[in-house]
PDB file of all heavy atoms in Angstrom:
ATOM      1  N   ASP A   1     -25.212  17.155 -55.359  1.00  0.00           N
ATOM      2  CA  ASP A   1     -25.963  16.481 -54.295  1.00  0.00           C
ATOM      3  C   ASP A   1     -25.595  15.003 -54.182  1.00  0.00           C
ATOM      4  O   ASP A   1     -25.807  14.381 -53.154  1.00  0.00           O
ATOM      5  CB  ASP A   1     -27.466  16.610 -54.547  1.00  0.00           C
ATOM      6  CG  ASP A   1     -27.943  18.061 -54.393  1.00  0.00           C
ATOM      7  OD1 ASP A   1     -27.209  18.787 -53.690  1.00  0.00           O
ATOM      8  OD2 ASP A   1     -29.008  18.373 -54.885  1.00  0.00           O
ATOM      9  N   GLU A   2     -25.076  14.398 -55.317  1.00  0.00           N
ATOM     10  CA  GLU A   2     -24.816  12.964 -55.298  1.00  0.00           C
ATOM     11  C   GLU A   2     -23.461  12.582 -54.706  1.00  0.00           C
ATOM     12  O   GLU A   2     -23.106  11.440 -54.582  1.00  0.00           O
ATOM     13  CB  GLU A   2     -24.883  12.367 -56.739  1.00  0.00           C
ATOM     14  CG  GLU A   2     -26.262  12.477 -57.428  1.00  0.00           C
ATOM     15  CD  GLU A   2     -26.455  13.875 -58.023  1.00  0.00           C
ATOM     16  OE1 GLU A   2     -25.459  14.499 -58.497  1.00  0.00           O
ATOM     17  OE2 GLU A   2     -27.582  14.339 -57.984  1.00  0.00           O
ATOM     18  N   ILE A   3     -22.676  13.597 -54.395  1.00  0.00           N
ATOM     19  CA  ILE A   3     -21.268  13.362 -53.964  1.00  0.00           C
ATOM     20  C   ILE A   3     -21.053  13.976 -52.567  1.00  0.00           C
ATOM     21  O   ILE A   3     -21.529  15.047 -52.227  1.00  0.00           O
ATOM     22  CB  ILE A   3     -20.306  14.004 -54.954  1.00  0.00           C
ATOM     23  CG1 ILE A   3     -20.292  13.197 -56.280  1.00  0.00           C
ATOM     24  CG2 ILE A   3     -18.909  14.112 -54.416  1.00  0.00           C
ATOM     25  CD1 ILE A   3     -19.491  13.786 -57.385  1.00  0.00           C
ATOM     26  N   SER A   4     -20.311  13.176 -51.747  1.00  0.00           N
ATOM     27  CA  SER A   4     -19.963  13.651 -50.378  1.00  0.00           C
ATOM     28  C   SER A   4     -18.554  14.180 -50.448  1.00  0.00           C
ATOM     29  O   SER A   4     -17.611  13.471 -50.802  1.00  0.00           O
ATOM     30  CB  SER A   4     -20.057  12.499 -49.366  1.00  0.00           C
ATOM     31  OG  SER A   4     -19.464  12.881 -48.180  1.00  0.00           O
ATOM     32  N   ILE A   5     -18.371  15.476 -50.091  1.00  0.00           N
ATOM     33  CA  ILE A   5     -17.101  16.146 -50.087  1.00  0.00           C
ATOM     34  C   ILE A   5     -16.776  16.612 -48.667  1.00  0.00           C
ATOM     35  O   ILE A   5     -17.602  17.308 -48.053  1.00  0.00           O
ATOM     36  CB  ILE A   5     -17.047  17.327 -51.049  1.00  0.00           C
ATOM     37  CG1 ILE A   5     -17.393  16.896 -52.469  1.00  0.00           C
ATOM     38  CG2 ILE A   5     -15.662  17.987 -51.024  1.00  0.00           C
ATOM     39  CD1 ILE A   5     -17.481  18.045 -53.489  1.00  0.00           C
ATOM     40  N   ILE A   6     -15.599  16.232 -48.162  1.00  0.00           N
ATOM     41  CA  ILE A   6     -15.182  16.657 -46.832  1.00  0.00           C
ATOM     42  C   ILE A   6     -13.820  17.272 -46.968  1.00  0.00           C
ATOM     43  O   ILE A   6     -12.900  16.723 -47.664  1.00  0.00           O
ATOM     44  CB  ILE A   6     -15.168  15.495 -45.849  1.00  0.00           C
ATOM     45  CG1 ILE A   6     -16.507  14.793 -45.788  1.00  0.00           C
ATOM     46  CG2 ILE A   6     -14.789  16.014 -44.448  1.00  0.00           C
ATOM     47  CD1 ILE A   6     -16.581  13.594 -44.798  1.00  0.00           C
ATOM     48  N   THR A   7     -13.569  18.386 -46.355  1.00  0.00           N
ATOM     49  CA  THR A   7     -12.273  19.021 -46.337  1.00  0.00           C
ATOM     50  C   THR A   7     -11.690  19.162 -44.929  1.00  0.00           C
ATOM     51  O   THR A   7     -12.413  19.225 -43.953  1.00  0.00           O
ATOM     52  CB  THR A   7     -12.317  20.463 -46.985  1.00  0.00           C
ATOM     53  OG1 THR A   7     -12.897  21.406 -46.034  1.00  0.00           O
ATOM     54  CG2 THR A   7     -13.109  20.459 -48.243  1.00  0.00           C
ATOM     55  N   ILE A   8     -10.354  19.180 -44.825  1.00  0.00           N
ATOM     56  CA  ILE A   8      -9.715  19.513 -43.559  1.00  0.00           C
ATOM     57  C   ILE A   8      -8.681  20.582 -43.885  1.00  0.00           C
ATOM     58  O   ILE A   8      -7.821  20.403 -44.785  1.00  0.00           O
ATOM     59  CB  ILE A   8      -9.104  18.299 -42.844  1.00  0.00           C
ATOM     60  CG1 ILE A   8      -8.382  18.760 -41.557  1.00  0.00           C
ATOM     61  CG2 ILE A   8      -8.119  17.530 -43.754  1.00  0.00           C
ATOM     62  CD1 ILE A   8      -8.242  17.693 -40.512  1.00  0.00           C
ATOM     63  N   GLU A   9      -8.797  21.760 -43.250  1.00  0.00           N
ATOM     64  CA  GLU A   9      -8.047  22.929 -43.662  1.00  0.00           C
ATOM     65  C   GLU A   9      -7.451  23.685 -42.438  1.00  0.00           C
ATOM     66  O   GLU A   9      -7.906  23.476 -41.331  1.00  0.00           O
ATOM     67  CB  GLU A   9      -8.999  23.886 -44.404  1.00  0.00           C
ATOM     68  CG  GLU A   9      -9.725  23.261 -45.547  1.00  0.00           C
ATOM     69  CD  GLU A   9     -10.825  24.169 -46.119  1.00  0.00           C
ATOM     70  OE1 GLU A   9     -10.485  25.326 -46.480  1.00  0.00           O
ATOM     71  OE2 GLU A   9     -11.961  23.741 -46.181  1.00  0.00           O
ATOM     72  N   ASP A  10      -6.447  24.474 -42.729  1.00  0.00           N
ATOM     73  CA  ASP A  10      -5.776  25.249 -41.695  1.00  0.00           C
ATOM     74  C   ASP A  10      -5.344  26.613 -42.268  1.00  0.00           C
ATOM     75  O   ASP A  10      -4.211  26.656 -42.776  1.00  0.00           O
ATOM     76  CB  ASP A  10      -4.597  24.488 -41.089  1.00  0.00           C
ATOM     77  CG  ASP A  10      -3.915  25.296 -39.942  1.00  0.00           C
ATOM     78  OD1 ASP A  10      -4.632  26.105 -39.374  1.00  0.00           O
ATOM     79  OD2 ASP A  10      -2.745  25.048 -39.676  1.00  0.00           O
ATOM     80  N   PRO A  11      -6.166  27.592 -42.233  1.00  0.00           N
ATOM     81  CA  PRO A  11      -7.510  27.664 -41.720  1.00  0.00           C
ATOM     82  C   PRO A  11      -8.568  27.438 -42.835  1.00  0.00           C
ATOM     83  O   PRO A  11      -8.182  27.339 -44.002  1.00  0.00           O
ATOM     84  CB  PRO A  11      -7.666  29.084 -41.168  1.00  0.00           C
ATOM     85  CG  PRO A  11      -6.812  29.871 -42.184  1.00  0.00           C
ATOM     86  CD  PRO A  11      -5.671  28.965 -42.629  1.00  0.00           C
ATOM     87  N   ILE A  12      -9.822  27.433 -42.480  1.00  0.00           N
ATOM     88  CA  ILE A  12     -10.901  27.454 -43.468  1.00  0.00           C
ATOM     89  C   ILE A  12     -10.988  28.847 -43.979  1.00  0.00           C
ATOM     90  O   ILE A  12     -11.303  29.803 -43.258  1.00  0.00           O
ATOM     91  CB  ILE A  12     -12.249  26.994 -42.851  1.00  0.00           C
ATOM     92  CG1 ILE A  12     -12.141  25.541 -42.391  1.00  0.00           C
ATOM     93  CG2 ILE A  12     -13.384  27.195 -43.864  1.00  0.00           C
ATOM     94  CD1 ILE A  12     -13.335  25.072 -41.570  1.00  0.00           C
ATOM     95  N   GLU A  13     -10.692  29.086 -45.268  1.00  0.00           N
ATOM     96  CA  GLU A  13     -10.688  30.411 -45.813  1.00  0.00           C
ATOM     97  C   GLU A  13     -12.046  30.871 -46.261  1.00  0.00           C
ATOM     98  O   GLU A  13     -12.416  32.047 -46.111  1.00  0.00           O
ATOM     99  CB  GLU A  13      -9.703  30.555 -46.911  1.00  0.00           C
ATOM    100  CG  GLU A  13      -8.239  30.280 -46.461  1.00  0.00           C
ATOM    101  CD  GLU A  13      -7.193  30.992 -47.263  1.00  0.00           C
ATOM    102  OE1 GLU A  13      -7.524  31.736 -48.164  1.00  0.00           O
ATOM    103  OE2 GLU A  13      -6.003  30.726 -47.015  1.00  0.00           O
ATOM    104  N   TYR A  14     -12.812  29.996 -46.899  1.00  0.00           N
ATOM    105  CA  TYR A  14     -14.141  30.325 -47.366  1.00  0.00           C
ATOM    106  C   TYR A  14     -15.101  29.182 -47.038  1.00  0.00           C
ATOM    107  O   TYR A  14     -14.753  28.009 -47.128  1.00  0.00           O
ATOM    108  CB  TYR A  14     -14.139  30.550 -48.867  1.00  0.00           C
ATOM    109  CG  TYR A  14     -13.302  31.667 -49.337  1.00  0.00           C
ATOM    110  CD1 TYR A  14     -12.115  31.411 -50.098  1.00  0.00           C
ATOM    111  CD2 TYR A  14     -13.561  32.975 -49.029  1.00  0.00           C
ATOM    112  CE1 TYR A  14     -11.279  32.452 -50.533  1.00  0.00           C
ATOM    113  CE2 TYR A  14     -12.700  34.012 -49.434  1.00  0.00           C
ATOM    114  CZ  TYR A  14     -11.619  33.735 -50.178  1.00  0.00           C
ATOM    115  OH  TYR A  14     -10.777  34.753 -50.600  1.00  0.00           O
ATOM    116  N   SER A  15     -16.320  29.568 -46.692  1.00  0.00           N
ATOM    117  CA  SER A  15     -17.334  28.597 -46.395  1.00  0.00           C
ATOM    118  C   SER A  15     -18.056  28.251 -47.709  1.00  0.00           C
ATOM    119  O   SER A  15     -18.469  29.091 -48.430  1.00  0.00           O
ATOM    120  CB  SER A  15     -18.327  29.163 -45.377  1.00  0.00           C
ATOM    121  OG  SER A  15     -19.424  28.260 -45.231  1.00  0.00           O
ATOM    122  N   ILE A  16     -18.132  26.941 -48.001  1.00  0.00           N
ATOM    123  CA  ILE A  16     -18.795  26.492 -49.206  1.00  0.00           C
ATOM    124  C   ILE A  16     -20.005  25.638 -48.856  1.00  0.00           C
ATOM    125  O   ILE A  16     -19.913  24.630 -48.140  1.00  0.00           O
ATOM    126  CB  ILE A  16     -17.829  25.637 -50.097  1.00  0.00           C
ATOM    127  CG1 ILE A  16     -16.536  26.411 -50.376  1.00  0.00           C
ATOM    128  CG2 ILE A  16     -18.505  25.242 -51.428  1.00  0.00           C
ATOM    129  CD1 ILE A  16     -15.479  25.633 -51.102  1.00  0.00           C
ATOM    130  N   GLY A  17     -21.167  26.004 -49.367  1.00  0.00           N
ATOM    131  CA  GLY A  17     -22.405  25.272 -49.076  1.00  0.00           C
ATOM    132  C   GLY A  17     -22.380  23.877 -49.593  1.00  0.00           C
ATOM    133  O   GLY A  17     -21.843  23.608 -50.707  1.00  0.00           O
ATOM    134  N   GLY A  18     -22.951  22.925 -48.805  1.00  0.00           N
ATOM    135  CA  GLY A  18     -23.027  21.562 -49.255  1.00  0.00           C
ATOM    136  C   GLY A  18     -21.764  20.746 -49.060  1.00  0.00           C
ATOM    137  O   GLY A  18     -21.692  19.554 -49.458  1.00  0.00           O
ATOM    138  N   ILE A  19     -20.763  21.327 -48.340  1.00  0.00           N
ATOM    139  CA  ILE A  19     -19.512  20.628 -48.092  1.00  0.00           C
ATOM    140  C   ILE A  19     -19.217  20.649 -46.606  1.00  0.00           C
ATOM    141  O   ILE A  19     -19.435  21.690 -45.946  1.00  0.00           O
ATOM    142  CB  ILE A  19     -18.369  21.302 -48.902  1.00  0.00           C
ATOM    143  CG1 ILE A  19     -18.562  21.047 -50.375  1.00  0.00           C
ATOM    144  CG2 ILE A  19     -17.003  20.782 -48.418  1.00  0.00           C
ATOM    145  CD1 ILE A  19     -17.597  21.814 -51.251  1.00  0.00           C
ATOM    146  N   ASP A  20     -18.756  19.535 -46.073  1.00  0.00           N
ATOM    147  CA  ASP A  20     -18.304  19.501 -44.632  1.00  0.00           C
ATOM    148  C   ASP A  20     -16.887  19.939 -44.572  1.00  0.00           C
ATOM    149  O   ASP A  20     -15.964  19.300 -45.081  1.00  0.00           O
ATOM    150  CB  ASP A  20     -18.475  18.067 -44.095  1.00  0.00           C
ATOM    151  CG  ASP A  20     -19.906  17.627 -43.961  1.00  0.00           C
ATOM    152  OD1 ASP A  20     -20.741  18.533 -43.637  1.00  0.00           O
ATOM    153  OD2 ASP A  20     -20.223  16.492 -44.239  1.00  0.00           O
ATOM    154  N   GLN A  21     -16.641  21.078 -43.866  1.00  0.00           N
ATOM    155  CA  GLN A  21     -15.304  21.615 -43.742  1.00  0.00           C
ATOM    156  C   GLN A  21     -14.831  21.546 -42.296  1.00  0.00           C
ATOM    157  O   GLN A  21     -15.544  22.000 -41.392  1.00  0.00           O
ATOM    158  CB  GLN A  21     -15.239  23.073 -44.244  1.00  0.00           C
ATOM    159  CG  GLN A  21     -15.516  23.222 -45.731  1.00  0.00           C
ATOM    160  CD  GLN A  21     -15.696  24.634 -46.201  1.00  0.00           C
ATOM    161  OE1 GLN A  21     -16.772  25.199 -46.148  1.00  0.00           O
ATOM    162  NE2 GLN A  21     -14.584  25.246 -46.575  1.00  0.00           N
ATOM    163  N   ILE A  22     -13.661  20.929 -42.115  1.00  0.00           N
ATOM    164  CA  ILE A  22     -13.129  20.772 -40.751  1.00  0.00           C
ATOM    165  C   ILE A  22     -11.864  21.623 -40.580  1.00  0.00           C
ATOM    166  O   ILE A  22     -11.019  21.706 -41.413  1.00  0.00           O
ATOM    167  CB  ILE A  22     -12.713  19.281 -40.513  1.00  0.00           C
ATOM    168  CG1 ILE A  22     -13.942  18.384 -40.706  1.00  0.00           C
ATOM    169  CG2 ILE A  22     -12.065  19.048 -39.195  1.00  0.00           C
ATOM    170  CD1 ILE A  22     -13.632  16.871 -40.783  1.00  0.00           C
ATOM    171  N   GLN A  23     -11.826  22.367 -39.421  1.00  0.00           N
ATOM    172  CA  GLN A  23     -10.688  23.206 -39.118  1.00  0.00           C
ATOM    173  C   GLN A  23      -9.647  22.446 -38.268  1.00  0.00           C
ATOM    174  O   GLN A  23     -10.024  21.834 -37.229  1.00  0.00           O
ATOM    175  CB  GLN A  23     -11.180  24.421 -38.313  1.00  0.00           C
ATOM    176  CG  GLN A  23     -10.144  25.253 -37.641  1.00  0.00           C
ATOM    177  CD  GLN A  23      -9.349  26.116 -38.583  1.00  0.00           C
ATOM    178  OE1 GLN A  23      -9.915  26.897 -39.327  1.00  0.00           O
ATOM    179  NE2 GLN A  23      -8.030  26.041 -38.513  1.00  0.00           N
ATOM    180  N   VAL A  24      -8.445  22.467 -38.712  1.00  0.00           N
ATOM    181  CA  VAL A  24      -7.329  21.873 -37.934  1.00  0.00           C
ATOM    182  C   VAL A  24      -7.209  22.524 -36.580  1.00  0.00           C
ATOM    183  O   VAL A  24      -7.325  23.774 -36.474  1.00  0.00           O
ATOM    184  CB  VAL A  24      -5.978  21.955 -38.683  1.00  0.00           C
ATOM    185  CG1 VAL A  24      -4.788  21.712 -37.793  1.00  0.00           C
ATOM    186  CG2 VAL A  24      -5.933  20.982 -39.873  1.00  0.00           C
ATOM    187  N   ASN A  25      -6.989  21.763 -35.528  1.00  0.00           N
ATOM    188  CA  ASN A  25      -6.815  22.297 -34.149  1.00  0.00           C
ATOM    189  C   ASN A  25      -5.820  21.423 -33.420  1.00  0.00           C
ATOM    190  O   ASN A  25      -6.168  20.508 -32.689  1.00  0.00           O
ATOM    191  CB  ASN A  25      -8.234  22.333 -33.429  1.00  0.00           C
ATOM    192  CG  ASN A  25      -8.106  23.123 -32.119  1.00  0.00           C
ATOM    193  OD1 ASN A  25      -7.017  23.423 -31.624  1.00  0.00           O
ATOM    194  ND2 ASN A  25      -9.230  23.372 -31.509  1.00  0.00           N
ATOM    195  N   PRO A  26      -4.531  21.784 -33.522  1.00  0.00           N
ATOM    196  CA  PRO A  26      -3.517  21.000 -32.862  1.00  0.00           C
ATOM    197  C   PRO A  26      -3.665  20.852 -31.361  1.00  0.00           C
ATOM    198  O   PRO A  26      -3.317  19.871 -30.756  1.00  0.00           O
ATOM    199  CB  PRO A  26      -2.193  21.679 -33.222  1.00  0.00           C
ATOM    200  CG  PRO A  26      -2.536  22.505 -34.433  1.00  0.00           C
ATOM    201  CD  PRO A  26      -3.966  22.901 -34.303  1.00  0.00           C
ATOM    202  N   ARG A  27      -4.248  21.901 -30.745  1.00  0.00           N
ATOM    203  CA  ARG A  27      -4.413  21.851 -29.259  1.00  0.00           C
ATOM    204  C   ARG A  27      -5.335  20.739 -28.756  1.00  0.00           C
ATOM    205  O   ARG A  27      -5.188  20.266 -27.618  1.00  0.00           O
ATOM    206  CB  ARG A  27      -4.922  23.250 -28.784  1.00  0.00           C
ATOM    207  CG  ARG A  27      -3.878  24.284 -28.676  1.00  0.00           C
ATOM    208  CD  ARG A  27      -4.431  25.593 -28.159  1.00  0.00           C
ATOM    209  NE  ARG A  27      -5.254  26.259 -29.169  1.00  0.00           N
ATOM    210  CZ  ARG A  27      -5.754  27.464 -29.057  1.00  0.00           C
ATOM    211  NH1 ARG A  27      -5.532  28.150 -28.003  1.00  0.00           N
ATOM    212  NH2 ARG A  27      -6.452  27.983 -30.012  1.00  0.00           N
ATOM    213  N   THR A  28      -6.259  20.345 -29.636  1.00  0.00           N
ATOM    214  CA  THR A  28      -7.159  19.263 -29.288  1.00  0.00           C
ATOM    215  C   THR A  28      -6.736  17.921 -29.957  1.00  0.00           C
ATOM    216  O   THR A  28      -7.459  16.931 -29.947  1.00  0.00           O
ATOM    217  CB  THR A  28      -8.633  19.552 -29.677  1.00  0.00           C
ATOM    218  OG1 THR A  28      -8.712  19.732 -31.105  1.00  0.00           O
ATOM    219  CG2 THR A  28      -9.083  20.789 -28.996  1.00  0.00           C
ATOM    220  N   GLY A  29      -5.586  17.957 -30.659  1.00  0.00           N
ATOM    221  CA  GLY A  29      -5.055  16.748 -31.316  1.00  0.00           C
ATOM    222  C   GLY A  29      -5.630  16.566 -32.709  1.00  0.00           C
ATOM    223  O   GLY A  29      -5.360  15.553 -33.358  1.00  0.00           O
ATOM    224  N   LEU A  30      -6.387  17.571 -33.233  1.00  0.00           N
ATOM    225  CA  LEU A  30      -6.944  17.469 -34.555  1.00  0.00           C
ATOM    226  C   LEU A  30      -5.946  18.006 -35.593  1.00  0.00           C
ATOM    227  O   LEU A  30      -6.035  19.159 -36.017  1.00  0.00           O
ATOM    228  CB  LEU A  30      -8.287  18.218 -34.640  1.00  0.00           C
ATOM    229  CG  LEU A  30      -9.049  18.124 -35.964  1.00  0.00           C
ATOM    230  CD1 LEU A  30      -9.339  16.681 -36.323  1.00  0.00           C
ATOM    231  CD2 LEU A  30     -10.342  18.885 -35.901  1.00  0.00           C
ATOM    232  N   THR A  31      -4.959  17.203 -35.956  1.00  0.00           N
ATOM    233  CA  THR A  31      -3.973  17.533 -36.951  1.00  0.00           C
ATOM    234  C   THR A  31      -4.516  17.145 -38.321  1.00  0.00           C
ATOM    235  O   THR A  31      -5.585  16.515 -38.427  1.00  0.00           O
ATOM    236  CB  THR A  31      -2.669  16.787 -36.693  1.00  0.00           C
ATOM    237  OG1 THR A  31      -2.919  15.376 -36.712  1.00  0.00           O
ATOM    238  CG2 THR A  31      -2.058  17.188 -35.327  1.00  0.00           C
ATOM    239  N   PHE A  32      -3.762  17.463 -39.372  1.00  0.00           N
ATOM    240  CA  PHE A  32      -4.161  17.006 -40.688  1.00  0.00           C
ATOM    241  C   PHE A  32      -4.253  15.515 -40.779  1.00  0.00           C
ATOM    242  O   PHE A  32      -5.214  14.914 -41.292  1.00  0.00           O
ATOM    243  CB  PHE A  32      -3.143  17.514 -41.755  1.00  0.00           C
ATOM    244  CG  PHE A  32      -3.422  18.884 -42.244  1.00  0.00           C
ATOM    245  CD1 PHE A  32      -2.438  19.856 -42.127  1.00  0.00           C
ATOM    246  CD2 PHE A  32      -4.607  19.233 -42.834  1.00  0.00           C
ATOM    247  CE1 PHE A  32      -2.653  21.171 -42.605  1.00  0.00           C
ATOM    248  CE2 PHE A  32      -4.862  20.487 -43.367  1.00  0.00           C
ATOM    249  CZ  PHE A  32      -3.876  21.462 -43.192  1.00  0.00           C
ATOM    250  N   ALA A  33      -3.251  14.810 -40.171  1.00  0.00           N
ATOM    251  CA  ALA A  33      -3.258  13.350 -40.246  1.00  0.00           C
ATOM    252  C   ALA A  33      -4.421  12.741 -39.433  1.00  0.00           C
ATOM    253  O   ALA A  33      -5.107  11.833 -39.900  1.00  0.00           O
ATOM    254  CB  ALA A  33      -1.906  12.824 -39.666  1.00  0.00           C
ATOM    255  N   ALA A  34      -4.643  13.274 -38.218  1.00  0.00           N
ATOM    256  CA  ALA A  34      -5.744  12.721 -37.376  1.00  0.00           C
ATOM    257  C   ALA A  34      -7.081  13.000 -38.034  1.00  0.00           C
ATOM    258  O   ALA A  34      -7.993  12.145 -38.039  1.00  0.00           O
ATOM    259  CB  ALA A  34      -5.700  13.357 -35.974  1.00  0.00           C
ATOM    260  N   GLY A  35      -7.261  14.213 -38.587  1.00  0.00           N
ATOM    261  CA  GLY A  35      -8.512  14.575 -39.217  1.00  0.00           C
ATOM    262  C   GLY A  35      -8.771  13.726 -40.449  1.00  0.00           C
ATOM    263  O   GLY A  35      -9.921  13.321 -40.723  1.00  0.00           O
ATOM    264  N   LEU A  36      -7.713  13.460 -41.188  1.00  0.00           N
ATOM    265  CA  LEU A  36      -7.838  12.667 -42.426  1.00  0.00           C
ATOM    266  C   LEU A  36      -8.272  11.201 -42.098  1.00  0.00           C
ATOM    267  O   LEU A  36      -9.105  10.626 -42.780  1.00  0.00           O
ATOM    268  CB  LEU A  36      -6.465  12.636 -43.167  1.00  0.00           C
ATOM    269  CG  LEU A  36      -6.446  12.080 -44.562  1.00  0.00           C
ATOM    270  CD1 LEU A  36      -7.624  12.556 -45.432  1.00  0.00           C
ATOM    271  CD2 LEU A  36      -5.124  12.430 -45.265  1.00  0.00           C
ATOM    272  N   ARG A  37      -7.735  10.695 -41.013  1.00  0.00           N
ATOM    273  CA  ARG A  37      -8.146   9.329 -40.583  1.00  0.00           C
ATOM    274  C   ARG A  37      -9.646   9.327 -40.229  1.00  0.00           C
ATOM    275  O   ARG A  37     -10.335   8.412 -40.572  1.00  0.00           O
ATOM    276  CB  ARG A  37      -7.361   8.935 -39.347  1.00  0.00           C
ATOM    277  CG  ARG A  37      -5.931   8.429 -39.640  1.00  0.00           C
ATOM    278  CD  ARG A  37      -5.445   7.608 -38.447  1.00  0.00           C
ATOM    279  NE  ARG A  37      -3.970   7.439 -38.549  1.00  0.00           N
ATOM    280  CZ  ARG A  37      -3.115   8.327 -38.051  1.00  0.00           C
ATOM    281  NH1 ARG A  37      -3.499   9.367 -37.348  1.00  0.00           N
ATOM    282  NH2 ARG A  37      -1.813   8.138 -38.202  1.00  0.00           N
ATOM    283  N   SER A  38     -10.065  10.350 -39.523  1.00  0.00           N
ATOM    284  CA  SER A  38     -11.474  10.473 -39.186  1.00  0.00           C
ATOM    285  C   SER A  38     -12.372  10.591 -40.401  1.00  0.00           C
ATOM    286  O   SER A  38     -13.434   9.994 -40.507  1.00  0.00           O
ATOM    287  CB  SER A  38     -11.674  11.685 -38.260  1.00  0.00           C
ATOM    288  OG  SER A  38     -13.002  11.858 -37.963  1.00  0.00           O
ATOM    289  N   ILE A  39     -11.940  11.452 -41.375  1.00  0.00           N
ATOM    290  CA  ILE A  39     -12.720  11.646 -42.601  1.00  0.00           C
ATOM    291  C   ILE A  39     -12.920  10.356 -43.335  1.00  0.00           C
ATOM    292  O   ILE A  39     -14.044  10.077 -43.881  1.00  0.00           O
ATOM    293  CB  ILE A  39     -11.991  12.677 -43.483  1.00  0.00           C
ATOM    294  CG1 ILE A  39     -12.111  14.084 -42.885  1.00  0.00           C
ATOM    295  CG2 ILE A  39     -12.558  12.657 -44.915  1.00  0.00           C
ATOM    296  CD1 ILE A  39     -11.288  15.142 -43.579  1.00  0.00           C
ATOM    297  N   LEU A  40     -11.922   9.491 -43.374  1.00  0.00           N
ATOM    298  CA  LEU A  40     -12.040   8.208 -44.116  1.00  0.00           C
ATOM    299  C   LEU A  40     -13.085   7.299 -43.542  1.00  0.00           C
ATOM    300  O   LEU A  40     -13.585   6.409 -44.263  1.00  0.00           O
ATOM    301  CB  LEU A  40     -10.648   7.507 -44.138  1.00  0.00           C
ATOM    302  CG  LEU A  40      -9.601   8.177 -45.007  1.00  0.00           C
ATOM    303  CD1 LEU A  40      -8.231   7.551 -44.763  1.00  0.00           C
ATOM    304  CD2 LEU A  40     -10.011   8.054 -46.467  1.00  0.00           C
ATOM    305  N   ARG A  41     -13.498   7.553 -42.301  1.00  0.00           N
ATOM    306  CA  ARG A  41     -14.559   6.705 -41.695  1.00  0.00           C
ATOM    307  C   ARG A  41     -15.940   7.318 -41.951  1.00  0.00           C
ATOM    308  O   ARG A  41     -16.961   6.824 -41.480  1.00  0.00           O
ATOM    309  CB  ARG A  41     -14.319   6.609 -40.203  1.00  0.00           C
ATOM    310  CG  ARG A  41     -13.065   5.798 -39.848  1.00  0.00           C
ATOM    311  CD  ARG A  41     -13.012   5.444 -38.386  1.00  0.00           C
ATOM    312  NE  ARG A  41     -12.728   6.558 -37.538  1.00  0.00           N
ATOM    313  CZ  ARG A  41     -11.473   6.966 -37.184  1.00  0.00           C
ATOM    314  NH1 ARG A  41     -10.433   6.310 -37.623  1.00  0.00           N
ATOM    315  NH2 ARG A  41     -11.326   8.058 -36.398  1.00  0.00           N
TER     316      ARG A  41
END
């Protein structure tokens, strides 16, 4: 509970409770690099 964990995956293979998981979507511009920049904020 004390730690914030965010993932960016292609694809999300398993859903894990308590973690924010982001799916890569190149069609909307959400690449690994773009998603990682967003996560850092």
